[in-house]
Amino acid sequence: MPTTASTPLNLLRANQVCSKLRISKTTLYAKLDKSSKYYDPEFPKQIKLGVSSVGWIEQQVDQWITNKLLIG
């Protein structure tokens, strides 16, 4: 999803994504793991924020939710 300088990005940490989706961290990371049966190639990729820190762009997570609702 392209953004402009006027569109602020809000980064979510793993626990915030889990809370928003009402899933566990295990499920969150399973959605990202290509070898998992729960892998979802459409799920937003995490962004490395530091050595041991990652985040997700909230707008991408929201778009993923919207797409899931539209697809059913």
C-alpha atoms as a PDB file:
ATOM      1  CA  MET A   1       0.000   0.000   0.000  1.00  0.00           C
ATOM      2  CA  PRO A   2       1.714   3.223  -1.118  1.00  0.00           C
ATOM      3  CA  THR A   3       1.857   6.067   1.342  1.00  0.00           C
ATOM      4  CA  THR A   4       2.662   9.720   1.018  1.00  0.00           C
ATOM      5  CA  ALA A   5       4.466  12.056   3.363  1.00  0.00           C
ATOM      6  CA  SER A   6       1.058  13.260   4.569  1.00  0.00           C
ATOM      7  CA  THR A   7       0.000   9.720   5.553  1.00  0.00           C
ATOM      8  CA  PRO A   8       1.588   8.871   8.903  1.00  0.00           C
ATOM      9  CA  LEU A   9       2.455   5.227   9.424  1.00  0.00           C
ATOM     10  CA  ASN A  10       1.498   3.583  12.665  1.00  0.00           C
ATOM     11  CA  LEU A  11       3.645   0.620  13.638  1.00  0.00           C
ATOM     12  CA  LEU A  12       2.221  -2.200  15.719  1.00  0.00           C
ATOM     13  CA  ARG A  13       4.245  -4.554  17.852  1.00  0.00           C
ATOM     14  CA  ALA A  14       3.453  -8.289  17.886  1.00  0.00           C
ATOM     15  CA  ASN A  15       1.276  -8.113  21.005  1.00  0.00           C
ATOM     16  CA  GLN A  16      -0.740  -5.264  19.439  1.00  0.00           C
ATOM     17  CA  VAL A  17      -1.294  -7.248  16.224  1.00  0.00           C
ATOM     18  CA  CYS A  18      -2.345 -10.265  18.284  1.00  0.00           C
ATOM     19  CA  SER A  19      -4.749  -8.156  20.304  1.00  0.00           C
ATOM     20  CA  LYS A  20      -6.240  -6.580  17.178  1.00  0.00           C
ATOM     21  CA  LEU A  21      -6.750  -9.984  15.519  1.00  0.00           C
ATOM     22  CA  ARG A  22      -7.528 -11.829  18.767  1.00  0.00           C
ATOM     23  CA  ILE A  23      -4.903 -14.483  18.038  1.00  0.00           C
ATOM     24  CA  SER A  24      -1.891 -15.811  19.933  1.00  0.00           C
ATOM     25  CA  LYS A  25       1.715 -14.965  19.104  1.00  0.00           C
ATOM     26  CA  THR A  26       2.147 -18.589  18.025  1.00  0.00           C
ATOM     27  CA  THR A  27      -0.644 -18.161  15.483  1.00  0.00           C
ATOM     28  CA  LEU A  28       0.769 -14.825  14.341  1.00  0.00           C
ATOM     29  CA  TYR A  29       4.172 -16.295  13.574  1.00  0.00           C
ATOM     30  CA  ALA A  30       2.575 -19.421  12.019  1.00  0.00           C
ATOM     31  CA  LYS A  31       0.897 -17.111   9.484  1.00  0.00           C
ATOM     32  CA  LEU A  32       4.386 -15.911   8.500  1.00  0.00           C
ATOM     33  CA  ASP A  33       6.079 -19.343   8.439  1.00  0.00           C
ATOM     34  CA  LYS A  34       6.073 -20.869   4.950  1.00  0.00           C
ATOM     35  CA  SER A  35       6.391 -24.366   6.419  1.00  0.00           C
ATOM     36  CA  SER A  36       3.299 -23.957   8.627  1.00  0.00           C
ATOM     37  CA  LYS A  37      -0.112 -25.227   7.589  1.00  0.00           C
ATOM     38  CA  TYR A  38      -1.422 -21.849   8.799  1.00  0.00           C
ATOM     39  CA  TYR A  39       0.866 -19.864   6.482  1.00  0.00           C
ATOM     40  CA  ASP A  40      -0.904 -16.966   4.797  1.00  0.00           C
ATOM     41  CA  PRO A  41       1.076 -15.446   1.914  1.00  0.00           C
ATOM     42  CA  GLU A  42      -1.255 -12.425   1.988  1.00  0.00           C
ATOM     43  CA  PHE A  43      -0.518 -11.625   5.636  1.00  0.00           C
ATOM     44  CA  PRO A  44       1.534  -8.419   6.047  1.00  0.00           C
ATOM     45  CA  LYS A  45       5.244  -8.978   6.464  1.00  0.00           C
ATOM     46  CA  GLN A  46       6.986  -7.841   9.597  1.00  0.00           C
ATOM     47  CA  ILE A  47       9.459  -4.982   9.485  1.00  0.00           C
ATOM     48  CA  LYS A  48      12.738  -5.279  11.353  1.00  0.00           C
ATOM     49  CA  LEU A  49      12.963  -2.341  13.767  1.00  0.00           C
ATOM     50  CA  GLY A  50      16.122  -3.352  15.599  1.00  0.00           C
ATOM     51  CA  VAL A  51      18.304  -6.300  16.480  1.00  0.00           C
ATOM     52  CA  SER A  52      15.480  -8.176  18.227  1.00  0.00           C
ATOM     53  CA  SER A  53      12.479  -6.022  17.470  1.00  0.00           C
ATOM     54  CA  VAL A  54       9.871  -6.179  14.708  1.00  0.00           C
ATOM     55  CA  GLY A  55       6.672  -4.377  13.866  1.00  0.00           C
ATOM     56  CA  TRP A  56       3.829  -4.323  11.371  1.00  0.00           C
ATOM     57  CA  ILE A  57       2.347  -1.353   9.539  1.00  0.00           C
ATOM     58  CA  GLU A  58      -1.141  -0.973  10.977  1.00  0.00           C
ATOM     59  CA  GLN A  59      -2.650   0.109   7.669  1.00  0.00           C
ATOM     60  CA  GLN A  60      -1.435  -3.128   6.053  1.00  0.00           C
ATOM     61  CA  VAL A  61      -2.913  -5.205   8.883  1.00  0.00           C
ATOM     62  CA  ASP A  62      -6.210  -3.316   8.519  1.00  0.00           C
ATOM     63  CA  GLN A  63      -6.192  -3.908   4.755  1.00  0.00           C
ATOM     64  CA  TRP A  64      -5.569  -7.627   5.306  1.00  0.00           C
ATOM     65  CA  ILE A  65      -8.596  -7.719   7.643  1.00  0.00           C
ATOM     66  CA  THR A  66     -10.722  -5.882   5.055  1.00  0.00           C
ATOM     67  CA  ASN A  67      -9.640  -8.301   2.322  1.00  0.00           C
ATOM     68  CA  LYS A  68     -10.542 -11.279   4.522  1.00  0.00           C
ATOM     69  CA  LEU A  69     -14.004  -9.810   5.134  1.00  0.00           C
ATOM     70  CA  LEU A  70     -14.555  -9.194   1.407  1.00  0.00           C
ATOM     71  CA  ILE A  71     -13.353 -12.640   0.364  1.00  0.00           C
ATOM     72  CA  GLY A  72     -15.274 -14.313   3.158  1.00  0.00           C
END
